[in-house]
Amino acid sequence: MKKLGLSLLLLLSLSLGAQTSFYTQLAHSAERLTKQTVEYDPSYFSIKYPNGDVPKGKGVCTDVVIRAYRKVGLDLQKLVHEDMSRNFLAYPNIWGLKGPDKNIDHRRVPNLMVFFASYGESLSIETDPSIYLPGDVVCWSLGGAITHIGIVSSKKSNDGVRYLIVHNIGSGQEFSDCLLDYRIIGHYRYKGPQ
């Protein structure tokens, strides 16, 4: 019996290590994006499918998340498009579309929020910074209908209290100590289809 308990404990610890490793890898993927020069550009682009991306050197907040996930082998363009093709009415009808659009749907924060809530873990949106861990995806309301998204990095704020966020809020893909600067409306962990 004791041997079985140790085996289960080892298996659980390996499983948790794999989960933690994925999110650490995602955080590091986002961090590497800060080394690239990107101009904030919310334009609509026709992009290839699957695994399409807006032109190099361009992007918005969602593109940070899309590119970080792509670096760990997950194509949010394809995943969101396939889900919207099956469940279009589950997604916000903010833009007046009659069906999914593989060029833009994954580049919209409200759509990513629905997707992550449906297929990942929806976590607490408290203002306690200790609950936001590297690899978490955080969404904010900037006021009115303006939403924003970023990834929690593995780097801490100067005071050591919060992890920095990798995002693009107009100055390119960058680190910011902005976790609690805006009203948090979503907090997710997503590691791909299970």
N, C-alpha and C. Protein backbone atom coordinates (compact mmCIF):
# COMPACT_ATOMS: atom_id res chain seq x y z
N MET A 1 0.83 -1.20 0.00
CA MET A 1 0.00 0.00 0.00
C MET A 1 0.87 1.26 0.00
N LYS A 2 1.92 1.25 0.83
CA LYS A 2 2.80 2.41 0.90
C LYS A 2 3.48 2.65 -0.45
N LYS A 3 3.88 1.55 -1.12
CA LYS A 3 4.53 1.65 -2.43
C LYS A 3 3.56 2.26 -3.45
N LEU A 4 2.28 1.86 -3.42
CA LEU A 4 1.28 2.40 -4.34
C LEU A 4 1.10 3.91 -4.10
N GLY A 5 1.06 4.31 -2.84
CA GLY A 5 0.91 5.73 -2.50
C GLY A 5 2.07 6.55 -3.04
N LEU A 6 3.30 6.03 -2.93
CA LEU A 6 4.47 6.73 -3.45
C LEU A 6 4.41 6.82 -4.97
N SER A 7 3.94 5.75 -5.62
CA SER A 7 3.82 5.76 -7.09
C SER A 7 2.82 6.81 -7.54
N LEU A 8 1.68 6.89 -6.85
CA LEU A 8 0.69 7.90 -7.20
C LEU A 8 1.23 9.31 -6.98
N LEU A 9 1.96 9.48 -5.89
CA LEU A 9 2.55 10.79 -5.59
C LEU A 9 3.56 11.18 -6.67
N LEU A 10 4.38 10.23 -7.11
CA LEU A 10 5.36 10.49 -8.17
C LEU A 10 4.65 10.84 -9.48
N LEU A 11 3.62 10.07 -9.81
CA LEU A 11 2.85 10.33 -11.03
C LEU A 11 2.21 11.71 -10.99
N LEU A 12 1.62 12.07 -9.85
CA LEU A 12 1.01 13.39 -9.70
C LEU A 12 2.05 14.49 -9.84
N SER A 13 3.21 14.30 -9.23
CA SER A 13 4.25 15.33 -9.31
C SER A 13 4.78 15.47 -10.73
N LEU A 14 4.91 14.37 -11.48
CA LEU A 14 5.33 14.44 -12.88
C LEU A 14 4.29 15.16 -13.72
N SER A 15 3.02 14.86 -13.45
CA SER A 15 1.93 15.51 -14.19
C SER A 15 1.92 17.01 -13.92
N LEU A 16 2.05 17.41 -12.67
CA LEU A 16 2.08 18.84 -12.34
C LEU A 16 3.31 19.51 -12.94
N GLY A 17 4.45 18.79 -12.95
CA GLY A 17 5.66 19.33 -13.55
C GLY A 17 5.48 19.59 -15.03
N ALA A 18 4.78 18.68 -15.74
CA ALA A 18 4.54 18.86 -17.17
C ALA A 18 3.63 20.06 -17.40
N GLN A 19 2.62 20.22 -16.54
CA GLN A 19 1.73 21.36 -16.69
C GLN A 19 2.49 22.66 -16.44
N THR A 20 3.25 22.71 -15.37
CA THR A 20 4.01 23.90 -15.06
C THR A 20 5.01 24.19 -16.17
N SER A 21 5.65 23.15 -16.68
CA SER A 21 6.63 23.31 -17.74
C SER A 21 6.00 23.94 -18.98
N PHE A 22 4.79 23.54 -19.35
CA PHE A 22 4.12 24.11 -20.52
C PHE A 22 3.93 25.61 -20.33
N TYR A 23 3.42 26.02 -19.18
CA TYR A 23 3.14 27.44 -18.95
C TYR A 23 4.42 28.27 -18.85
N THR A 24 5.46 27.68 -18.30
CA THR A 24 6.75 28.37 -18.27
C THR A 24 7.26 28.55 -19.69
N GLN A 25 7.13 27.52 -20.51
CA GLN A 25 7.55 27.61 -21.91
C GLN A 25 6.73 28.68 -22.65
N LEU A 26 5.42 28.75 -22.38
CA LEU A 26 4.58 29.76 -23.01
C LEU A 26 5.03 31.16 -22.59
N ALA A 27 5.31 31.35 -21.31
CA ALA A 27 5.78 32.65 -20.82
C ALA A 27 7.09 33.03 -21.51
N HIS A 28 8.00 32.09 -21.62
CA HIS A 28 9.28 32.36 -22.28
C HIS A 28 9.10 32.67 -23.77
N SER A 29 8.14 32.01 -24.40
CA SER A 29 7.84 32.30 -25.81
C SER A 29 7.36 33.73 -25.96
N ALA A 30 6.50 34.17 -25.06
CA ALA A 30 6.02 35.55 -25.09
C ALA A 30 7.17 36.52 -24.84
N GLU A 31 8.04 36.18 -23.91
CA GLU A 31 9.17 37.05 -23.58
C GLU A 31 10.09 37.24 -24.78
N ARG A 32 10.32 36.17 -25.54
CA ARG A 32 11.18 36.28 -26.73
C ARG A 32 10.60 37.25 -27.76
N LEU A 33 9.28 37.39 -27.78
CA LEU A 33 8.65 38.30 -28.72
C LEU A 33 9.03 39.76 -28.47
N THR A 34 9.41 40.08 -27.24
CA THR A 34 9.76 41.47 -26.92
C THR A 34 11.05 41.90 -27.60
N LYS A 35 11.80 40.97 -28.13
CA LYS A 35 13.05 41.29 -28.82
C LYS A 35 12.80 41.69 -30.28
N GLN A 36 11.57 41.51 -30.75
CA GLN A 36 11.22 41.84 -32.13
C GLN A 36 10.56 43.22 -32.18
N THR A 37 10.90 44.00 -33.18
CA THR A 37 10.28 45.31 -33.36
C THR A 37 8.95 45.14 -34.07
N VAL A 38 7.88 45.58 -33.42
CA VAL A 38 6.53 45.45 -33.99
C VAL A 38 5.81 46.79 -33.85
N GLU A 39 5.27 47.24 -34.95
CA GLU A 39 4.46 48.46 -34.96
C GLU A 39 3.01 48.08 -34.67
N TYR A 40 2.38 48.82 -33.77
CA TYR A 40 0.97 48.56 -33.46
C TYR A 40 0.14 48.87 -34.71
N ASP A 41 -0.56 47.86 -35.22
CA ASP A 41 -1.34 48.04 -36.44
C ASP A 41 -2.59 47.17 -36.37
N PRO A 42 -3.76 47.77 -36.11
CA PRO A 42 -5.01 47.00 -35.98
C PRO A 42 -5.70 46.72 -37.32
N SER A 43 -5.02 46.94 -38.43
CA SER A 43 -5.63 46.74 -39.75
C SER A 43 -6.11 45.31 -39.94
N TYR A 44 -7.12 45.18 -40.80
CA TYR A 44 -7.58 43.87 -41.24
C TYR A 44 -6.61 43.38 -42.30
N PHE A 45 -6.11 42.15 -42.14
CA PHE A 45 -5.22 41.56 -43.13
C PHE A 45 -5.80 40.24 -43.60
N SER A 46 -5.69 39.95 -44.89
CA SER A 46 -5.98 38.61 -45.41
C SER A 46 -4.72 37.79 -45.17
N ILE A 47 -4.86 36.70 -44.43
CA ILE A 47 -3.70 35.88 -44.09
C ILE A 47 -3.95 34.44 -44.49
N LYS A 48 -2.86 33.70 -44.65
CA LYS A 48 -3.00 32.29 -45.03
C LYS A 48 -3.68 31.53 -43.88
N TYR A 49 -4.19 30.36 -44.21
CA TYR A 49 -4.83 29.50 -43.22
C TYR A 49 -4.47 28.06 -43.56
N PRO A 50 -4.13 27.26 -42.58
CA PRO A 50 -3.92 27.59 -41.16
C PRO A 50 -2.54 28.20 -40.94
N ASN A 51 -2.26 28.49 -39.67
CA ASN A 51 -0.96 28.99 -39.23
C ASN A 51 -0.58 30.32 -39.89
N GLY A 52 -1.60 31.14 -40.18
CA GLY A 52 -1.33 32.44 -40.78
C GLY A 52 -0.95 33.48 -39.74
N ASP A 53 -0.29 34.53 -40.22
CA ASP A 53 0.09 35.62 -39.33
C ASP A 53 0.02 36.92 -40.11
N VAL A 54 -0.20 38.01 -39.40
CA VAL A 54 -0.17 39.33 -40.03
C VAL A 54 1.27 39.59 -40.46
N PRO A 55 1.50 40.59 -41.31
CA PRO A 55 2.87 40.86 -41.77
C PRO A 55 3.85 41.04 -40.62
N LYS A 56 5.07 40.55 -40.84
CA LYS A 56 6.13 40.70 -39.84
C LYS A 56 6.30 42.18 -39.51
N GLY A 57 6.46 42.47 -38.26
CA GLY A 57 6.65 43.85 -37.85
C GLY A 57 5.36 44.60 -37.58
N LYS A 58 4.22 43.89 -37.65
CA LYS A 58 2.92 44.51 -37.39
C LYS A 58 2.19 43.65 -36.36
N GLY A 59 1.20 44.25 -35.68
CA GLY A 59 0.40 43.46 -34.77
C GLY A 59 -0.27 44.29 -33.69
N VAL A 60 -1.10 43.61 -32.91
CA VAL A 60 -1.83 44.20 -31.80
C VAL A 60 -1.68 43.26 -30.60
N CYS A 61 -2.43 43.53 -29.54
CA CYS A 61 -2.29 42.73 -28.33
C CYS A 61 -2.57 41.24 -28.56
N THR A 62 -3.59 40.94 -29.35
CA THR A 62 -3.93 39.54 -29.59
C THR A 62 -2.82 38.82 -30.35
N ASP A 63 -2.11 39.54 -31.19
CA ASP A 63 -1.03 38.91 -31.96
C ASP A 63 0.10 38.44 -31.06
N VAL A 64 0.32 39.10 -29.93
CA VAL A 64 1.31 38.64 -28.95
C VAL A 64 0.91 37.25 -28.46
N VAL A 65 -0.36 37.10 -28.10
CA VAL A 65 -0.86 35.82 -27.58
C VAL A 65 -0.79 34.75 -28.68
N ILE A 66 -1.24 35.10 -29.87
CA ILE A 66 -1.23 34.16 -31.00
C ILE A 66 0.20 33.70 -31.30
N ARG A 67 1.14 34.63 -31.36
CA ARG A 67 2.52 34.28 -31.69
C ARG A 67 3.18 33.47 -30.57
N ALA A 68 2.89 33.79 -29.32
CA ALA A 68 3.46 33.01 -28.21
C ALA A 68 2.94 31.58 -28.25
N TYR A 69 1.64 31.41 -28.46
CA TYR A 69 1.09 30.05 -28.55
C TYR A 69 1.64 29.31 -29.76
N ARG A 70 1.85 30.01 -30.86
CA ARG A 70 2.40 29.35 -32.05
C ARG A 70 3.79 28.80 -31.75
N LYS A 71 4.57 29.51 -30.95
CA LYS A 71 5.93 29.07 -30.60
C LYS A 71 5.92 27.79 -29.77
N VAL A 72 4.79 27.49 -29.10
CA VAL A 72 4.70 26.23 -28.35
C VAL A 72 3.86 25.20 -29.10
N GLY A 73 3.63 25.46 -30.39
CA GLY A 73 2.99 24.46 -31.25
C GLY A 73 1.49 24.52 -31.35
N LEU A 74 0.85 25.59 -30.90
CA LEU A 74 -0.61 25.70 -30.97
C LEU A 74 -1.01 26.85 -31.89
N ASP A 75 -1.85 26.55 -32.86
CA ASP A 75 -2.31 27.54 -33.84
C ASP A 75 -3.70 28.04 -33.43
N LEU A 76 -3.73 29.17 -32.73
CA LEU A 76 -5.02 29.72 -32.29
C LEU A 76 -5.90 30.14 -33.47
N GLN A 77 -5.30 30.52 -34.59
CA GLN A 77 -6.11 30.85 -35.76
C GLN A 77 -6.98 29.64 -36.13
N LYS A 78 -6.36 28.49 -36.25
CA LYS A 78 -7.07 27.27 -36.64
C LYS A 78 -8.04 26.82 -35.54
N LEU A 79 -7.58 26.81 -34.31
CA LEU A 79 -8.42 26.34 -33.20
C LEU A 79 -9.66 27.21 -33.03
N VAL A 80 -9.49 28.52 -33.06
CA VAL A 80 -10.64 29.43 -32.90
C VAL A 80 -11.56 29.34 -34.11
N HIS A 81 -10.98 29.29 -35.32
CA HIS A 81 -11.80 29.22 -36.53
C HIS A 81 -12.64 27.94 -36.55
N GLU A 82 -12.03 26.82 -36.21
CA GLU A 82 -12.77 25.55 -36.20
C GLU A 82 -13.89 25.59 -35.17
N ASP A 83 -13.60 26.16 -33.99
CA ASP A 83 -14.64 26.24 -32.97
C ASP A 83 -15.75 27.19 -33.38
N MET A 84 -15.39 28.32 -33.97
CA MET A 84 -16.42 29.26 -34.42
C MET A 84 -17.25 28.69 -35.56
N SER A 85 -16.65 27.84 -36.38
CA SER A 85 -17.40 27.20 -37.47
C SER A 85 -18.46 26.25 -36.90
N ARG A 86 -18.15 25.62 -35.77
CA ARG A 86 -19.09 24.70 -35.12
C ARG A 86 -20.06 25.42 -34.19
N ASN A 87 -19.59 26.49 -33.54
CA ASN A 87 -20.35 27.12 -32.45
C ASN A 87 -20.44 28.63 -32.63
N PHE A 88 -20.75 29.09 -33.81
CA PHE A 88 -20.69 30.53 -34.11
C PHE A 88 -21.54 31.36 -33.14
N LEU A 89 -22.69 30.86 -32.76
CA LEU A 89 -23.58 31.64 -31.90
C LEU A 89 -23.09 31.76 -30.46
N ALA A 90 -22.09 30.97 -30.08
CA ALA A 90 -21.52 31.06 -28.74
C ALA A 90 -20.58 32.26 -28.60
N TYR A 91 -20.20 32.83 -29.73
CA TYR A 91 -19.25 33.93 -29.74
C TYR A 91 -19.98 35.27 -29.81
N PRO A 92 -19.35 36.35 -29.34
CA PRO A 92 -20.00 37.66 -29.36
C PRO A 92 -20.37 38.08 -30.78
N ASN A 93 -21.53 38.72 -30.90
CA ASN A 93 -21.96 39.24 -32.20
C ASN A 93 -21.78 40.75 -32.19
N ILE A 94 -20.54 41.18 -32.02
CA ILE A 94 -20.22 42.60 -31.91
C ILE A 94 -19.98 43.22 -33.28
N TRP A 95 -19.50 42.42 -34.21
CA TRP A 95 -19.03 42.95 -35.48
C TRP A 95 -20.02 42.74 -36.63
N GLY A 96 -21.19 42.18 -36.35
CA GLY A 96 -22.22 42.00 -37.36
C GLY A 96 -21.91 40.96 -38.42
N LEU A 97 -21.05 40.02 -38.11
CA LEU A 97 -20.71 38.98 -39.08
C LEU A 97 -21.80 37.92 -39.13
N LYS A 98 -21.94 37.28 -40.28
CA LYS A 98 -22.92 36.20 -40.46
C LYS A 98 -22.27 34.82 -40.31
N GLY A 99 -20.96 34.80 -40.26
CA GLY A 99 -20.22 33.54 -40.13
C GLY A 99 -18.78 33.84 -39.75
N PRO A 100 -18.01 32.80 -39.48
CA PRO A 100 -16.62 32.99 -39.06
C PRO A 100 -15.75 33.56 -40.18
N ASP A 101 -14.68 34.24 -39.78
CA ASP A 101 -13.72 34.84 -40.70
C ASP A 101 -12.32 34.45 -40.21
N LYS A 102 -11.68 33.53 -40.91
CA LYS A 102 -10.39 32.99 -40.48
C LYS A 102 -9.27 34.03 -40.43
N ASN A 103 -9.49 35.18 -41.04
CA ASN A 103 -8.47 36.23 -41.05
C ASN A 103 -8.45 37.07 -39.77
N ILE A 104 -9.56 37.16 -39.06
CA ILE A 104 -9.66 38.14 -37.97
C ILE A 104 -10.23 37.59 -36.66
N ASP A 105 -11.02 36.54 -36.70
CA ASP A 105 -11.73 36.10 -35.48
C ASP A 105 -10.79 35.86 -34.31
N HIS A 106 -9.66 35.22 -34.54
CA HIS A 106 -8.71 34.90 -33.47
C HIS A 106 -7.95 36.14 -33.00
N ARG A 107 -8.09 37.25 -33.71
CA ARG A 107 -7.39 38.50 -33.37
C ARG A 107 -8.30 39.44 -32.57
N ARG A 108 -9.40 38.94 -32.08
CA ARG A 108 -10.34 39.75 -31.30
C ARG A 108 -10.40 39.23 -29.87
N VAL A 109 -10.15 40.12 -28.91
CA VAL A 109 -10.09 39.73 -27.50
C VAL A 109 -11.37 39.03 -27.04
N PRO A 110 -12.59 39.56 -27.32
CA PRO A 110 -13.78 38.86 -26.84
C PRO A 110 -13.90 37.43 -27.36
N ASN A 111 -13.45 37.18 -28.58
CA ASN A 111 -13.47 35.82 -29.12
C ASN A 111 -12.48 34.92 -28.39
N LEU A 112 -11.28 35.43 -28.12
CA LEU A 112 -10.31 34.64 -27.38
C LEU A 112 -10.81 34.34 -25.97
N MET A 113 -11.50 35.29 -25.36
CA MET A 113 -12.05 35.05 -24.03
C MET A 113 -13.06 33.90 -24.04
N VAL A 114 -13.94 33.87 -25.03
CA VAL A 114 -14.91 32.77 -25.14
C VAL A 114 -14.17 31.45 -25.36
N PHE A 115 -13.19 31.46 -26.26
CA PHE A 115 -12.45 30.24 -26.56
C PHE A 115 -11.71 29.72 -25.32
N PHE A 116 -10.94 30.59 -24.64
CA PHE A 116 -10.19 30.15 -23.47
C PHE A 116 -11.12 29.70 -22.34
N ALA A 117 -12.24 30.37 -22.17
CA ALA A 117 -13.20 29.97 -21.13
C ALA A 117 -13.82 28.61 -21.46
N SER A 118 -14.01 28.32 -22.73
CA SER A 118 -14.63 27.06 -23.15
C SER A 118 -13.66 25.88 -23.08
N TYR A 119 -12.39 26.11 -23.38
CA TYR A 119 -11.45 24.99 -23.53
C TYR A 119 -10.27 25.02 -22.57
N GLY A 120 -10.16 26.05 -21.77
CA GLY A 120 -9.09 26.12 -20.79
C GLY A 120 -9.66 26.25 -19.40
N GLU A 121 -8.87 26.74 -18.50
CA GLU A 121 -9.33 27.01 -17.14
C GLU A 121 -9.64 28.49 -17.02
N SER A 122 -10.84 28.81 -16.52
CA SER A 122 -11.18 30.19 -16.17
C SER A 122 -10.83 30.36 -14.70
N LEU A 123 -9.97 31.31 -14.41
CA LEU A 123 -9.46 31.49 -13.07
C LEU A 123 -10.00 32.77 -12.45
N SER A 124 -9.74 32.94 -11.18
CA SER A 124 -10.20 34.10 -10.42
C SER A 124 -9.65 35.39 -11.03
N ILE A 125 -10.45 36.45 -10.94
CA ILE A 125 -10.00 37.76 -11.42
C ILE A 125 -9.82 38.74 -10.26
N GLU A 126 -9.44 38.21 -9.13
CA GLU A 126 -9.16 39.05 -7.96
C GLU A 126 -7.98 39.98 -8.25
N THR A 127 -7.79 40.95 -7.38
CA THR A 127 -6.66 41.88 -7.53
C THR A 127 -5.43 41.44 -6.74
N ASP A 128 -5.43 40.22 -6.25
CA ASP A 128 -4.26 39.67 -5.55
C ASP A 128 -3.26 39.23 -6.62
N PRO A 129 -2.13 39.94 -6.76
CA PRO A 129 -1.19 39.61 -7.84
C PRO A 129 -0.58 38.22 -7.74
N SER A 130 -0.61 37.61 -6.56
CA SER A 130 0.04 36.30 -6.40
C SER A 130 -0.69 35.18 -7.14
N ILE A 131 -1.93 35.41 -7.56
CA ILE A 131 -2.66 34.33 -8.25
C ILE A 131 -2.39 34.32 -9.76
N TYR A 132 -1.69 35.33 -10.26
CA TYR A 132 -1.38 35.42 -11.69
C TYR A 132 0.03 34.88 -11.91
N LEU A 133 0.11 33.74 -12.60
CA LEU A 133 1.37 33.02 -12.73
C LEU A 133 1.88 33.03 -14.17
N PRO A 134 3.19 32.82 -14.36
CA PRO A 134 3.74 32.80 -15.71
C PRO A 134 2.96 31.86 -16.64
N GLY A 135 2.66 32.37 -17.84
CA GLY A 135 1.91 31.61 -18.82
C GLY A 135 0.42 31.83 -18.75
N ASP A 136 -0.07 32.50 -17.71
CA ASP A 136 -1.50 32.83 -17.64
C ASP A 136 -1.81 33.89 -18.69
N VAL A 137 -3.03 33.84 -19.21
CA VAL A 137 -3.53 34.87 -20.13
C VAL A 137 -4.48 35.75 -19.33
N VAL A 138 -4.28 37.06 -19.44
CA VAL A 138 -5.11 38.02 -18.70
C VAL A 138 -5.76 38.96 -19.69
N CYS A 139 -7.05 39.27 -19.45
CA CYS A 139 -7.78 40.23 -20.29
C CYS A 139 -8.26 41.37 -19.39
N TRP A 140 -8.27 42.56 -19.98
CA TRP A 140 -8.68 43.75 -19.26
C TRP A 140 -9.71 44.53 -20.06
N SER A 141 -10.49 45.33 -19.35
CA SER A 141 -11.31 46.37 -19.98
C SER A 141 -10.54 47.67 -19.81
N LEU A 142 -10.36 48.37 -20.93
CA LEU A 142 -9.67 49.66 -20.88
C LEU A 142 -10.67 50.81 -20.79
N GLY A 143 -11.95 50.45 -20.72
CA GLY A 143 -13.02 51.45 -20.67
C GLY A 143 -13.85 51.38 -21.93
N GLY A 144 -15.14 51.63 -21.79
CA GLY A 144 -16.04 51.51 -22.94
C GLY A 144 -16.01 50.07 -23.46
N ALA A 145 -15.92 49.92 -24.75
CA ALA A 145 -15.90 48.59 -25.35
C ALA A 145 -14.47 48.15 -25.70
N ILE A 146 -13.47 48.84 -25.18
CA ILE A 146 -12.09 48.52 -25.53
C ILE A 146 -11.54 47.47 -24.57
N THR A 147 -11.10 46.36 -25.15
CA THR A 147 -10.54 45.26 -24.36
C THR A 147 -9.08 45.07 -24.73
N HIS A 148 -8.37 44.37 -23.86
CA HIS A 148 -6.93 44.17 -24.03
C HIS A 148 -6.56 42.80 -23.49
N ILE A 149 -5.45 42.24 -23.99
CA ILE A 149 -5.02 40.90 -23.58
C ILE A 149 -3.51 40.85 -23.52
N GLY A 150 -2.97 40.03 -22.62
CA GLY A 150 -1.54 39.83 -22.51
C GLY A 150 -1.24 38.52 -21.82
N ILE A 151 0.05 38.19 -21.76
CA ILE A 151 0.51 36.95 -21.12
C ILE A 151 1.40 37.31 -19.94
N VAL A 152 1.19 36.63 -18.83
CA VAL A 152 2.01 36.83 -17.65
C VAL A 152 3.39 36.23 -17.92
N SER A 153 4.43 37.04 -17.72
CA SER A 153 5.80 36.59 -17.97
C SER A 153 6.38 35.93 -16.72
N SER A 154 7.62 35.48 -16.83
CA SER A 154 8.31 34.90 -15.67
C SER A 154 9.16 35.93 -14.96
N LYS A 155 9.13 37.17 -15.43
CA LYS A 155 9.93 38.25 -14.83
C LYS A 155 9.08 39.06 -13.86
N LYS A 156 9.68 39.41 -12.72
CA LYS A 156 8.95 40.13 -11.67
C LYS A 156 9.11 41.65 -11.80
N SER A 157 8.16 42.35 -11.23
CA SER A 157 8.22 43.82 -11.13
C SER A 157 9.40 44.22 -10.25
N ASN A 158 9.80 45.47 -10.32
CA ASN A 158 10.95 45.96 -9.54
C ASN A 158 10.78 45.72 -8.04
N ASP A 159 9.54 45.79 -7.54
CA ASP A 159 9.31 45.56 -6.11
C ASP A 159 9.15 44.07 -5.78
N GLY A 160 9.21 43.21 -6.80
CA GLY A 160 9.13 41.77 -6.59
C GLY A 160 7.76 41.24 -6.26
N VAL A 161 6.72 42.06 -6.40
CA VAL A 161 5.37 41.67 -5.98
C VAL A 161 4.56 41.04 -7.11
N ARG A 162 4.74 41.51 -8.32
CA ARG A 162 3.94 41.06 -9.46
C ARG A 162 4.84 40.55 -10.57
N TYR A 163 4.28 39.63 -11.37
CA TYR A 163 4.95 39.28 -12.62
C TYR A 163 4.62 40.36 -13.65
N LEU A 164 5.59 40.64 -14.52
CA LEU A 164 5.36 41.58 -15.62
C LEU A 164 4.48 40.93 -16.68
N ILE A 165 3.84 41.76 -17.48
CA ILE A 165 2.97 41.31 -18.56
C ILE A 165 3.67 41.54 -19.89
N VAL A 166 3.57 40.57 -20.79
CA VAL A 166 4.02 40.78 -22.18
C VAL A 166 2.75 41.08 -22.97
N HIS A 167 2.75 42.23 -23.64
CA HIS A 167 1.57 42.67 -24.38
C HIS A 167 1.98 43.71 -25.41
N ASN A 168 1.00 44.17 -26.17
CA ASN A 168 1.19 45.27 -27.11
C ASN A 168 -0.01 46.19 -26.94
N ILE A 169 0.22 47.31 -26.28
CA ILE A 169 -0.86 48.27 -26.05
C ILE A 169 -0.65 49.54 -26.86
N GLY A 170 0.24 49.46 -27.83
CA GLY A 170 0.48 50.59 -28.72
C GLY A 170 1.94 50.88 -28.98
N SER A 171 2.82 50.31 -28.17
CA SER A 171 4.26 50.56 -28.31
C SER A 171 5.02 49.32 -28.74
N GLY A 172 4.34 48.36 -29.31
CA GLY A 172 5.00 47.12 -29.72
C GLY A 172 4.94 46.07 -28.63
N GLN A 173 5.54 44.93 -28.91
CA GLN A 173 5.55 43.80 -27.99
C GLN A 173 6.55 44.11 -26.88
N GLU A 174 6.05 44.25 -25.65
CA GLU A 174 6.91 44.73 -24.56
C GLU A 174 6.51 44.13 -23.23
N PHE A 175 7.45 44.24 -22.26
CA PHE A 175 7.18 43.94 -20.86
C PHE A 175 6.58 45.18 -20.22
N SER A 176 5.57 44.99 -19.37
CA SER A 176 5.01 46.12 -18.60
C SER A 176 4.59 45.63 -17.23
N ASP A 177 4.74 46.50 -16.26
CA ASP A 177 4.23 46.24 -14.92
C ASP A 177 2.82 46.84 -14.86
N CYS A 178 1.88 46.17 -15.52
CA CYS A 178 0.54 46.75 -15.69
C CYS A 178 -0.59 45.82 -15.26
N LEU A 179 -0.26 44.73 -14.57
CA LEU A 179 -1.28 43.74 -14.21
C LEU A 179 -2.52 44.38 -13.58
N LEU A 180 -2.32 45.28 -12.65
CA LEU A 180 -3.44 45.87 -11.91
C LEU A 180 -3.77 47.29 -12.36
N ASP A 181 -3.23 47.71 -13.51
CA ASP A 181 -3.48 49.07 -14.00
C ASP A 181 -4.87 49.23 -14.61
N TYR A 182 -5.46 48.16 -15.06
CA TYR A 182 -6.77 48.20 -15.72
C TYR A 182 -7.68 47.18 -15.03
N ARG A 183 -8.98 47.27 -15.32
CA ARG A 183 -9.94 46.34 -14.71
C ARG A 183 -9.82 44.97 -15.39
N ILE A 184 -9.46 43.96 -14.62
CA ILE A 184 -9.29 42.60 -15.13
C ILE A 184 -10.68 42.00 -15.38
N ILE A 185 -10.88 41.47 -16.58
CA ILE A 185 -12.16 40.85 -16.94
C ILE A 185 -12.02 39.38 -17.33
N GLY A 186 -10.80 38.88 -17.39
CA GLY A 186 -10.58 37.48 -17.72
C GLY A 186 -9.21 37.02 -17.28
N HIS A 187 -9.13 35.77 -16.84
CA HIS A 187 -7.88 35.17 -16.37
C HIS A 187 -7.96 33.69 -16.72
N TYR A 188 -7.04 33.23 -17.59
CA TYR A 188 -7.16 31.88 -18.15
C TYR A 188 -5.82 31.15 -18.16
N ARG A 189 -5.95 29.81 -18.15
CA ARG A 189 -4.82 28.93 -18.48
C ARG A 189 -5.32 28.00 -19.55
N TYR A 190 -4.57 27.94 -20.64
CA TYR A 190 -4.96 27.09 -21.76
C TYR A 190 -3.69 26.42 -22.31
N LYS A 191 -3.71 25.11 -22.36
CA LYS A 191 -2.53 24.39 -22.86
C LYS A 191 -2.84 23.51 -24.06
N GLY A 192 -3.93 23.80 -24.74
CA GLY A 192 -4.21 23.07 -25.97
C GLY A 192 -5.26 22.00 -25.80
N PRO A 193 -5.68 21.39 -26.92
CA PRO A 193 -6.69 20.35 -26.88
C PRO A 193 -6.25 19.18 -26.00
N GLN A 194 -7.15 18.71 -25.19
CA GLN A 194 -6.83 17.60 -24.27
C GLN A 194 -7.32 16.28 -24.83
